[in-house]
Amino acid sequence: MPVSRSRPALRYRTSEALLGAHLERLQQRHGMALWMITRIRDNAMWLLQVNDQHYGLKQGHCIEWERSYCIRMVERGAPCIVADTRENPVYQSAPINSNLQIGAYVGLPLLDSRDQLFGTLCALDPEAQPATLQDRLGELEHDAALISYTLEHALLDAQQQRLTTFIEHPDRCDDTGLPGAKGWQDIFQQEQDNCRNLGVTSAVMHLQAPHDADSLVIADSLAALLRDQDSVAHLGDNHFGILLTDTDDEKAASVAHRIRDALNAKRMLVRLQQEPLTPF
């Protein structure tokens, strides 16, 4: 039976749209010039979602973790909400004060399914705020829990989408059965979006084998060496694109050595170029 509504129900087709709308609502409810969702990686706070009306910060920017207010909240037990930072010496001594004027602060940890730190929900304002801001801790803790849950499921969905794209993409190489050039373009773009929206760090390799080498043997060798969440595409003329997900430079270099060793053992000298995909 149809339900009568005075206006259409809100629908968000992506987690990014949902989180962006959530930050906008937080700003409307609680004020503060800047709201952001961050991911902590490599001693940096990567800004995944930003609602900024003052500082000029955008998605993809990063803040050095050691200089931030959030490290003091997470690691030193400083208050999650400070309506006037002038009254808190822990925050007044933060190095970030030399870059940003911060009169009020809100910060809560975002946790993954193992209760490990993923990032933070953070708000800043250049001016001190009413003392009643501190009364909103319970409500904001609930918001942080919802955001943590949304991010966790967005990461799981990204894993499934990688596999689906790799297996089901209609552009296939006739010789190897792998995705072709268009498939690789879509795989690459999808992972760039994951890096930007979820703070994922992955690596891309381009492998060039001899023109007279057996492309099917190369494809089978790569399949044996890579993980289920990684992807390979044949771009033609024994040029392969390889995506290593959730992989830093050191791990990618180790995989590259294994690939070279495996193909050298089959008398194939290959060239490998490696580049990172980072959250900016």
C-alpha atoms as a PDB file:
ATOM      1  CA  MET A   1       0.000   0.000   0.000  1.00  0.00           C
ATOM      2  CA  PRO A   2       1.534   3.375  -0.964  1.00  0.00           C
ATOM      3  CA  VAL A   3       2.513   5.619   1.906  1.00  0.00           C
ATOM      4  CA  SER A   4       1.394   9.235   1.607  1.00  0.00           C
ATOM      5  CA  ARG A   5       4.194  11.700   2.247  1.00  0.00           C
ATOM      6  CA  SER A   6       4.179  15.476   2.341  1.00  0.00           C
ATOM      7  CA  ARG A   7       7.658  15.445   0.755  1.00  0.00           C
ATOM      8  CA  PRO A   8       9.930  12.780  -0.776  1.00  0.00           C
ATOM      9  CA  ALA A   9      11.941  10.604   1.614  1.00  0.00           C
ATOM     10  CA  LEU A  10      15.677  11.343   1.746  1.00  0.00           C
ATOM     11  CA  ARG A  11      17.829   8.810  -0.098  1.00  0.00           C
ATOM     12  CA  TYR A  12      21.604   8.638  -0.248  1.00  0.00           C
ATOM     13  CA  ARG A  13      23.024   6.390  -2.935  1.00  0.00           C
ATOM     14  CA  THR A  14      26.592   6.401  -1.615  1.00  0.00           C
ATOM     15  CA  SER A  15      28.212   6.440   1.795  1.00  0.00           C
ATOM     16  CA  GLU A  16      30.081   9.586   0.727  1.00  0.00           C
ATOM     17  CA  ALA A  17      26.814  11.435   0.118  1.00  0.00           C
ATOM     18  CA  LEU A  18      25.433  10.222   3.452  1.00  0.00           C
ATOM     19  CA  LEU A  19      28.523  11.291   5.396  1.00  0.00           C
ATOM     20  CA  GLY A  20      28.608  14.664   3.657  1.00  0.00           C
ATOM     21  CA  ALA A  21      24.977  15.279   4.583  1.00  0.00           C
ATOM     22  CA  HIS A  22      25.709  14.166   8.158  1.00  0.00           C
ATOM     23  CA  LEU A  23      28.466  16.766   8.531  1.00  0.00           C
ATOM     24  CA  GLU A  24      26.160  19.446   7.174  1.00  0.00           C
ATOM     25  CA  ARG A  25      23.529  18.529   9.761  1.00  0.00           C
ATOM     26  CA  LEU A  26      26.135  18.573  12.541  1.00  0.00           C
ATOM     27  CA  GLN A  27      27.100  22.104  11.539  1.00  0.00           C
ATOM     28  CA  GLN A  28      23.466  23.171  11.507  1.00  0.00           C
ATOM     29  CA  ARG A  29      22.797  21.654  14.957  1.00  0.00           C
ATOM     30  CA  HIS A  30      25.954  22.587  16.804  1.00  0.00           C
ATOM     31  CA  GLY A  31      27.537  25.482  14.922  1.00  0.00           C
ATOM     32  CA  MET A  32      31.356  25.445  14.554  1.00  0.00           C
ATOM     33  CA  ALA A  33      32.954  26.730  11.352  1.00  0.00           C
ATOM     34  CA  LEU A  34      34.608  23.442  10.346  1.00  0.00           C
ATOM     35  CA  TRP A  35      33.466  19.830  10.610  1.00  0.00           C
ATOM     36  CA  MET A  36      35.534  17.005   9.195  1.00  0.00           C
ATOM     37  CA  ILE A  37      35.899  13.236   9.133  1.00  0.00           C
ATOM     38  CA  THR A  38      39.541  12.177   9.105  1.00  0.00           C
ATOM     39  CA  ARG A  39      41.542   8.990   8.725  1.00  0.00           C
ATOM     40  CA  ILE A  40      44.822   8.548  10.583  1.00  0.00           C
ATOM     41  CA  ARG A  41      47.559   7.035   8.413  1.00  0.00           C
ATOM     42  CA  ASP A  42      51.318   7.498   8.275  1.00  0.00           C
ATOM     43  CA  ASN A  43      51.370  10.145  11.011  1.00  0.00           C
ATOM     44  CA  ALA A  44      48.838  12.265   9.149  1.00  0.00           C
ATOM     45  CA  MET A  45      45.143  13.085   9.434  1.00  0.00           C
ATOM     46  CA  TRP A  46      43.700  12.718   5.933  1.00  0.00           C
ATOM     47  CA  LEU A  47      40.516  14.750   5.450  1.00  0.00           C
ATOM     48  CA  LEU A  48      37.891  12.419   3.948  1.00  0.00           C
ATOM     49  CA  GLN A  49      34.820  14.636   4.355  1.00  0.00           C
ATOM     50  CA  VAL A  50      34.878  18.366   5.055  1.00  0.00           C
ATOM     51  CA  ASN A  51      32.253  21.026   5.764  1.00  0.00           C
ATOM     52  CA  ASP A  52      34.306  24.209   6.076  1.00  0.00           C
ATOM     53  CA  GLN A  53      33.026  27.762   6.323  1.00  0.00           C
ATOM     54  CA  HIS A  54      36.233  29.457   7.425  1.00  0.00           C
ATOM     55  CA  TYR A  55      39.613  27.705   7.168  1.00  0.00           C
ATOM     56  CA  GLY A  56      39.761  26.774   3.488  1.00  0.00           C
ATOM     57  CA  LEU A  57      40.383  23.075   4.130  1.00  0.00           C
ATOM     58  CA  LYS A  58      39.149  20.552   1.572  1.00  0.00           C
ATOM     59  CA  GLN A  59      38.822  16.823   1.033  1.00  0.00           C
ATOM     60  CA  GLY A  60      42.266  15.364   0.380  1.00  0.00           C
ATOM     61  CA  HIS A  61      44.151  17.834   2.572  1.00  0.00           C
ATOM     62  CA  CYS A  62      46.083  16.413   5.489  1.00  0.00           C
ATOM     63  CA  ILE A  63      47.119  17.670   8.919  1.00  0.00           C
ATOM     64  CA  GLU A  64      50.235  16.386  10.650  1.00  0.00           C
ATOM     65  CA  TRP A  65      49.026  14.103  13.443  1.00  0.00           C
ATOM     66  CA  GLU A  66      51.665  15.188  15.959  1.00  0.00           C
ATOM     67  CA  ARG A  67      50.686  18.865  15.546  1.00  0.00           C
ATOM     68  CA  SER A  68      46.951  18.322  15.880  1.00  0.00           C
ATOM     69  CA  TYR A  69      44.451  18.754  18.689  1.00  0.00           C
ATOM     70  CA  CYS A  70      43.122  15.258  17.973  1.00  0.00           C
ATOM     71  CA  ILE A  71      46.323  13.480  19.050  1.00  0.00           C
ATOM     72  CA  ARG A  72      45.930  15.153  22.434  1.00  0.00           C
ATOM     73  CA  MET A  73      42.331  13.968  22.654  1.00  0.00           C
ATOM     74  CA  VAL A  74      43.153  10.380  21.576  1.00  0.00           C
ATOM     75  CA  GLU A  75      46.530   9.736  23.216  1.00  0.00           C
ATOM     76  CA  ARG A  76      46.660  12.140  26.154  1.00  0.00           C
ATOM     77  CA  GLY A  77      43.071  12.033  27.371  1.00  0.00           C
ATOM     78  CA  ALA A  78      42.404  15.730  26.722  1.00  0.00           C
ATOM     79  CA  PRO A  79      38.700  16.714  26.680  1.00  0.00           C
ATOM     80  CA  CYS A  80      36.607  15.834  23.630  1.00  0.00           C
ATOM     81  CA  ILE A  81      34.832  19.186  23.742  1.00  0.00           C
ATOM     82  CA  VAL A  82      36.435  22.504  24.662  1.00  0.00           C
ATOM     83  CA  ALA A  83      34.210  25.549  24.296  1.00  0.00           C
ATOM     84  CA  ASP A  84      37.140  27.930  24.891  1.00  0.00           C
ATOM     85  CA  THR A  85      40.607  26.585  24.099  1.00  0.00           C
ATOM     86  CA  ARG A  86      42.245  29.473  26.013  1.00  0.00           C
ATOM     87  CA  GLU A  87      41.199  27.703  29.197  1.00  0.00           C
ATOM     88  CA  ASN A  88      42.970  24.430  28.335  1.00  0.00           C
ATOM     89  CA  PRO A  89      46.795  24.460  28.390  1.00  0.00           C
ATOM     90  CA  VAL A  90      47.049  21.062  26.637  1.00  0.00           C
ATOM     91  CA  TYR A  91      45.376  22.451  23.546  1.00  0.00           C
ATOM     92  CA  GLN A  92      46.988  25.870  23.831  1.00  0.00           C
ATOM     93  CA  SER A  93      50.414  24.230  23.467  1.00  0.00           C
ATOM     94  CA  ALA A  94      49.482  22.356  20.252  1.00  0.00           C
ATOM     95  CA  PRO A  95      51.757  23.341  17.321  1.00  0.00           C
ATOM     96  CA  ILE A  96      48.781  23.608  14.952  1.00  0.00           C
ATOM     97  CA  ASN A  97      47.857  26.878  16.664  1.00  0.00           C
ATOM     98  CA  SER A  98      50.613  28.536  14.632  1.00  0.00           C
ATOM     99  CA  ASN A  99      48.708  27.621  11.438  1.00  0.00           C
ATOM    100  CA  LEU A 100      45.048  27.803  12.436  1.00  0.00           C
ATOM    101  CA  GLN A 101      43.163  30.078  14.811  1.00  0.00           C
ATOM    102  CA  ILE A 102      41.217  27.715  17.063  1.00  0.00           C
ATOM    103  CA  GLY A 103      38.896  29.117  19.706  1.00  0.00           C
ATOM    104  CA  ALA A 104      36.743  26.004  20.215  1.00  0.00           C
ATOM    105  CA  TYR A 105      37.267  22.295  19.527  1.00  0.00           C
ATOM    106  CA  VAL A 106      35.223  19.105  19.233  1.00  0.00           C
ATOM    107  CA  GLY A 107      36.956  15.783  18.627  1.00  0.00           C
ATOM    108  CA  LEU A 108      35.851  12.165  18.968  1.00  0.00           C
ATOM    109  CA  PRO A 109      37.625   8.968  17.902  1.00  0.00           C
ATOM    110  CA  LEU A 110      36.250   6.880  15.042  1.00  0.00           C
ATOM    111  CA  LEU A 111      36.840   3.158  15.584  1.00  0.00           C
ATOM    112  CA  ASP A 112      36.822   0.190  13.234  1.00  0.00           C
ATOM    113  CA  SER A 113      35.185  -3.187  13.918  1.00  0.00           C
ATOM    114  CA  ARG A 114      38.211  -4.280  15.991  1.00  0.00           C
ATOM    115  CA  ASP A 115      37.972  -1.133  18.131  1.00  0.00           C
ATOM    116  CA  GLN A 116      41.170   0.180  16.554  1.00  0.00           C
ATOM    117  CA  LEU A 117      41.503   3.883  15.765  1.00  0.00           C
ATOM    118  CA  PHE A 118      40.355   4.661  12.218  1.00  0.00           C
ATOM    119  CA  GLY A 119      40.306   8.450  12.463  1.00  0.00           C
ATOM    120  CA  THR A 120      38.385  11.256  14.115  1.00  0.00           C
ATOM    121  CA  LEU A 121      35.233  13.309  13.895  1.00  0.00           C
ATOM    122  CA  CYS A 122      36.550  16.820  14.436  1.00  0.00           C
ATOM    123  CA  ALA A 123      35.151  20.363  14.573  1.00  0.00           C
ATOM    124  CA  LEU A 124      36.945  23.693  14.924  1.00  0.00           C
ATOM    125  CA  ASP A 125      35.893  27.305  15.223  1.00  0.00           C
ATOM    126  CA  PRO A 126      38.092  30.406  15.352  1.00  0.00           C
ATOM    127  CA  GLU A 127      35.990  31.834  18.169  1.00  0.00           C
ATOM    128  CA  ALA A 128      35.157  30.498  21.615  1.00  0.00           C
ATOM    129  CA  GLN A 129      31.691  28.959  21.844  1.00  0.00           C
ATOM    130  CA  PRO A 130      29.023  28.974  24.588  1.00  0.00           C
ATOM    131  CA  ALA A 131      29.863  26.703  27.518  1.00  0.00           C
ATOM    132  CA  THR A 132      26.703  24.691  26.740  1.00  0.00           C
ATOM    133  CA  LEU A 133      28.621  23.104  23.832  1.00  0.00           C
ATOM    134  CA  GLN A 134      30.162  20.774  26.400  1.00  0.00           C
ATOM    135  CA  ASP A 135      26.701  19.426  27.264  1.00  0.00           C
ATOM    136  CA  ARG A 136      26.435  17.805  23.824  1.00  0.00           C
ATOM    137  CA  LEU A 137      29.028  15.092  24.386  1.00  0.00           C
ATOM    138  CA  GLY A 138      26.521  12.219  24.594  1.00  0.00           C
ATOM    139  CA  GLU A 139      24.790  13.233  21.380  1.00  0.00           C
ATOM    140  CA  LEU A 140      28.101  13.661  19.549  1.00  0.00           C
ATOM    141  CA  GLU A 141      29.389  10.302  20.781  1.00  0.00           C
ATOM    142  CA  HIS A 142      26.300   8.761  19.162  1.00  0.00           C
ATOM    143  CA  ASP A 143      27.082  10.608  15.918  1.00  0.00           C
ATOM    144  CA  ALA A 144      30.675   9.334  15.998  1.00  0.00           C
ATOM    145  CA  ALA A 145      29.448   5.765  16.473  1.00  0.00           C
ATOM    146  CA  LEU A 146      27.111   6.084  13.480  1.00  0.00           C
ATOM    147  CA  ILE A 147      29.912   7.507  11.335  1.00  0.00           C
ATOM    148  CA  SER A 148      32.251   4.691  12.404  1.00  0.00           C
ATOM    149  CA  TYR A 149      29.626   2.139  11.415  1.00  0.00           C
ATOM    150  CA  THR A 150      29.033   3.809   8.058  1.00  0.00           C
ATOM    151  CA  LEU A 151      32.767   3.920   7.279  1.00  0.00           C
ATOM    152  CA  GLU A 152      33.255   0.277   8.247  1.00  0.00           C
ATOM    153  CA  HIS A 153      30.507  -0.821   5.886  1.00  0.00           C
ATOM    154  CA  ALA A 154      31.793   1.486   3.166  1.00  0.00           C
ATOM    155  CA  LEU A 155      35.157  -0.284   3.371  1.00  0.00           C
ATOM    156  CA  LEU A 156      33.463  -3.687   3.147  1.00  0.00           C
ATOM    157  CA  ASP A 157      31.421  -2.487   0.186  1.00  0.00           C
ATOM    158  CA  ALA A 158      34.598  -1.235  -1.508  1.00  0.00           C
ATOM    159  CA  GLN A 159      36.128  -4.712  -1.162  1.00  0.00           C
ATOM    160  CA  GLN A 160      33.091  -6.293  -2.782  1.00  0.00           C
ATOM    161  CA  GLN A 161      32.964  -3.701  -5.545  1.00  0.00           C
ATOM    162  CA  ARG A 162      36.621  -4.341  -6.437  1.00  0.00           C
ATOM    163  CA  LEU A 163      35.911  -8.045  -6.844  1.00  0.00           C
ATOM    164  CA  THR A 164      32.726  -7.428  -8.809  1.00  0.00           C
ATOM    165  CA  THR A 165      34.428  -5.019 -11.199  1.00  0.00           C
ATOM    166  CA  PHE A 166      37.338  -7.392 -11.771  1.00  0.00           C
ATOM    167  CA  ILE A 167      35.154 -10.446 -12.388  1.00  0.00           C
ATOM    168  CA  GLU A 168      32.173  -8.943 -14.187  1.00  0.00           C
ATOM    169  CA  HIS A 169      33.556  -6.038 -16.225  1.00  0.00           C
ATOM    170  CA  PRO A 170      32.378  -6.523 -19.817  1.00  0.00           C
ATOM    171  CA  ASP A 171      35.670  -5.400 -21.372  1.00  0.00           C
ATOM    172  CA  ARG A 172      37.768  -8.600 -21.484  1.00  0.00           C
ATOM    173  CA  CYS A 173      40.964  -9.616 -23.207  1.00  0.00           C
ATOM    174  CA  ASP A 174      40.280 -12.550 -25.565  1.00  0.00           C
ATOM    175  CA  ASP A 175      43.701 -14.122 -24.915  1.00  0.00           C
ATOM    176  CA  THR A 176      43.802 -14.005 -21.108  1.00  0.00           C
ATOM    177  CA  GLY A 177      40.194 -13.464 -20.007  1.00  0.00           C
ATOM    178  CA  LEU A 178      41.377 -10.527 -17.896  1.00  0.00           C
ATOM    179  CA  PRO A 179      39.832  -7.056 -18.035  1.00  0.00           C
ATOM    180  CA  GLY A 180      41.129  -5.020 -20.963  1.00  0.00           C
ATOM    181  CA  ALA A 181      42.112  -1.363 -21.299  1.00  0.00           C
ATOM    182  CA  LYS A 182      38.617   0.004 -20.548  1.00  0.00           C
ATOM    183  CA  GLY A 183      38.277  -2.414 -17.651  1.00  0.00           C
ATOM    184  CA  TRP A 184      41.602  -1.212 -16.264  1.00  0.00           C
ATOM    185  CA  GLN A 185      40.513   2.413 -16.575  1.00  0.00           C
ATOM    186  CA  ASP A 186      37.411   1.677 -14.501  1.00  0.00           C
ATOM    187  CA  ILE A 187      39.361  -0.371 -11.933  1.00  0.00           C
ATOM    188  CA  PHE A 188      41.875   2.451 -11.555  1.00  0.00           C
ATOM    189  CA  GLN A 189      39.202   5.156 -11.229  1.00  0.00           C
ATOM    190  CA  GLN A 190      37.265   3.108  -8.680  1.00  0.00           C
ATOM    191  CA  GLU A 191      40.369   2.738  -6.522  1.00  0.00           C
ATOM    192  CA  GLN A 192      41.192   6.438  -6.800  1.00  0.00           C
ATOM    193  CA  ASP A 193      37.713   7.120  -5.422  1.00  0.00           C
ATOM    194  CA  ASN A 194      38.349   4.654  -2.570  1.00  0.00           C
ATOM    195  CA  CYS A 195      41.599   6.441  -1.720  1.00  0.00           C
ATOM    196  CA  ARG A 196      39.932   9.854  -1.698  1.00  0.00           C
ATOM    197  CA  ASN A 197      36.722   8.880   0.107  1.00  0.00           C
ATOM    198  CA  LEU A 198      37.990   6.208   2.517  1.00  0.00           C
ATOM    199  CA  GLY A 199      41.655   7.025   3.027  1.00  0.00           C
ATOM    200  CA  VAL A 200      42.756   3.775   1.408  1.00  0.00           C
ATOM    201  CA  THR A 201      46.405   3.506   0.337  1.00  0.00           C
ATOM    202  CA  SER A 202      46.998   1.196  -2.612  1.00  0.00           C
ATOM    203  CA  ALA A 203      49.665   0.683  -5.266  1.00  0.00           C
ATOM    204  CA  VAL A 204      49.613   0.392  -9.042  1.00  0.00           C
ATOM    205  CA  MET A 205      52.170  -1.458 -11.168  1.00  0.00           C
ATOM    206  CA  HIS A 206      52.678  -1.556 -14.901  1.00  0.00           C
ATOM    207  CA  LEU A 207      54.341  -4.718 -16.179  1.00  0.00           C
ATOM    208  CA  GLN A 208      55.820  -4.960 -19.652  1.00  0.00           C
ATOM    209  CA  ALA A 209      56.845  -8.431 -20.798  1.00  0.00           C
ATOM    210  CA  PRO A 210      58.631  -9.349 -24.063  1.00  0.00           C
ATOM    211  CA  HIS A 211      56.362  -9.076 -27.089  1.00  0.00           C
ATOM    212  CA  ASP A 212      56.865 -12.754 -27.964  1.00  0.00           C
ATOM    213  CA  ALA A 213      56.087 -14.024 -24.437  1.00  0.00           C
ATOM    214  CA  ASP A 214      52.964 -16.069 -23.780  1.00  0.00           C
ATOM    215  CA  SER A 215      50.432 -13.639 -22.289  1.00  0.00           C
ATOM    216  CA  LEU A 216      48.368 -16.461 -20.802  1.00  0.00           C
ATOM    217  CA  VAL A 217      51.395 -17.797 -18.903  1.00  0.00           C
ATOM    218  CA  ILE A 218      52.024 -14.291 -17.529  1.00  0.00           C
ATOM    219  CA  ALA A 219      48.375 -13.925 -16.507  1.00  0.00           C
ATOM    220  CA  ASP A 220      48.407 -17.308 -14.736  1.00  0.00           C
ATOM    221  CA  SER A 221      51.653 -16.436 -12.951  1.00  0.00           C
ATOM    222  CA  LEU A 222      50.242 -13.152 -11.704  1.00  0.00           C
ATOM    223  CA  ALA A 223      47.040 -14.844 -10.531  1.00  0.00           C
ATOM    224  CA  ALA A 224      49.119 -17.255  -8.432  1.00  0.00           C
ATOM    225  CA  LEU A 225      51.113 -14.425  -6.840  1.00  0.00           C
ATOM    226  CA  LEU A 226      48.405 -11.881  -6.028  1.00  0.00           C
ATOM    227  CA  ARG A 227      45.666 -11.801  -3.395  1.00  0.00           C
ATOM    228  CA  ASP A 228      41.938 -12.105  -4.049  1.00  0.00           C
ATOM    229  CA  GLN A 229      41.423  -8.374  -3.442  1.00  0.00           C
ATOM    230  CA  ASP A 230      44.044  -7.384  -6.026  1.00  0.00           C
ATOM    231  CA  SER A 231      43.264  -6.896  -9.727  1.00  0.00           C
ATOM    232  CA  VAL A 232      45.104  -7.463 -13.010  1.00  0.00           C
ATOM    233  CA  ALA A 233      44.248  -6.241 -16.505  1.00  0.00           C
ATOM    234  CA  HIS A 234      45.838  -6.971 -19.886  1.00  0.00           C
ATOM    235  CA  LEU A 235      46.301  -3.700 -21.747  1.00  0.00           C
ATOM    236  CA  GLY A 236      47.564  -5.318 -24.930  1.00  0.00           C
ATOM    237  CA  ASP A 237      50.964  -6.349 -26.313  1.00  0.00           C
ATOM    238  CA  ASN A 238      51.956  -8.027 -23.018  1.00  0.00           C
ATOM    239  CA  HIS A 239      51.431  -4.827 -21.041  1.00  0.00           C
ATOM    240  CA  PHE A 240      49.646  -5.578 -17.753  1.00  0.00           C
ATOM    241  CA  GLY A 241      48.182  -3.246 -15.161  1.00  0.00           C
ATOM    242  CA  ILE A 242      48.250  -4.500 -11.558  1.00  0.00           C
ATOM    243  CA  LEU A 243      46.345  -3.018  -8.614  1.00  0.00           C
ATOM    244  CA  LEU A 244      47.515  -3.927  -5.106  1.00  0.00           C
ATOM    245  CA  THR A 245      44.895  -2.759  -2.625  1.00  0.00           C
ATOM    246  CA  ASP A 246      45.635  -1.577   0.928  1.00  0.00           C
ATOM    247  CA  THR A 247      49.352  -1.743   0.174  1.00  0.00           C
ATOM    248  CA  ASP A 248      52.166   0.665   1.001  1.00  0.00           C
ATOM    249  CA  ASP A 249      55.366   1.193  -1.003  1.00  0.00           C
ATOM    250  CA  GLU A 250      57.363  -1.358   0.985  1.00  0.00           C
ATOM    251  CA  LYS A 251      54.795  -4.138   0.538  1.00  0.00           C
ATOM    252  CA  ALA A 252      54.400  -3.282  -3.144  1.00  0.00           C
ATOM    253  CA  ALA A 253      58.169  -3.509  -3.665  1.00  0.00           C
ATOM    254  CA  SER A 254      58.145  -6.968  -2.076  1.00  0.00           C
ATOM    255  CA  VAL A 255      55.385  -8.099  -4.452  1.00  0.00           C
ATOM    256  CA  ALA A 256      57.334  -6.672  -7.399  1.00  0.00           C
ATOM    257  CA  HIS A 257      60.382  -8.759  -6.438  1.00  0.00           C
ATOM    258  CA  ARG A 258      58.261 -11.901  -6.269  1.00  0.00           C
ATOM    259  CA  ILE A 259      56.739 -11.186  -9.683  1.00  0.00           C
ATOM    260  CA  ARG A 260      60.161 -10.643 -11.266  1.00  0.00           C
ATOM    261  CA  ASP A 261      61.569 -13.793  -9.681  1.00  0.00           C
ATOM    262  CA  ALA A 262      58.601 -15.923 -10.786  1.00  0.00           C
ATOM    263  CA  LEU A 263      58.697 -14.698 -14.385  1.00  0.00           C
ATOM    264  CA  ASN A 264      62.496 -14.796 -14.584  1.00  0.00           C
ATOM    265  CA  ALA A 265      62.282 -18.450 -13.595  1.00  0.00           C
ATOM    266  CA  LYS A 266      60.169 -18.907 -16.739  1.00  0.00           C
ATOM    267  CA  ARG A 267      62.796 -17.036 -18.796  1.00  0.00           C
ATOM    268  CA  MET A 268      60.767 -13.863 -19.093  1.00  0.00           C
ATOM    269  CA  LEU A 269      62.597 -10.635 -18.354  1.00  0.00           C
ATOM    270  CA  VAL A 270      59.977  -8.023 -17.471  1.00  0.00           C
ATOM    271  CA  ARG A 271      59.982  -4.309 -16.665  1.00  0.00           C
ATOM    272  CA  LEU A 272      57.903  -3.167 -13.690  1.00  0.00           C
ATOM    273  CA  GLN A 273      56.972   0.407 -12.801  1.00  0.00           C
ATOM    274  CA  GLN A 274      55.394   1.092  -9.430  1.00  0.00           C
ATOM    275  CA  GLU A 275      53.440   4.103  -8.169  1.00  0.00           C
ATOM    276  CA  PRO A 276      51.367   4.704  -5.031  1.00  0.00           C
ATOM    277  CA  LEU A 277      47.697   5.625  -4.883  1.00  0.00           C
ATOM    278  CA  THR A 278      47.212   7.882  -1.870  1.00  0.00           C
ATOM    279  CA  PRO A 279      44.216   9.715  -0.357  1.00  0.00           C
ATOM    280  CA  PHE A 280      44.746  12.977  -2.279  1.00  0.00           C
END
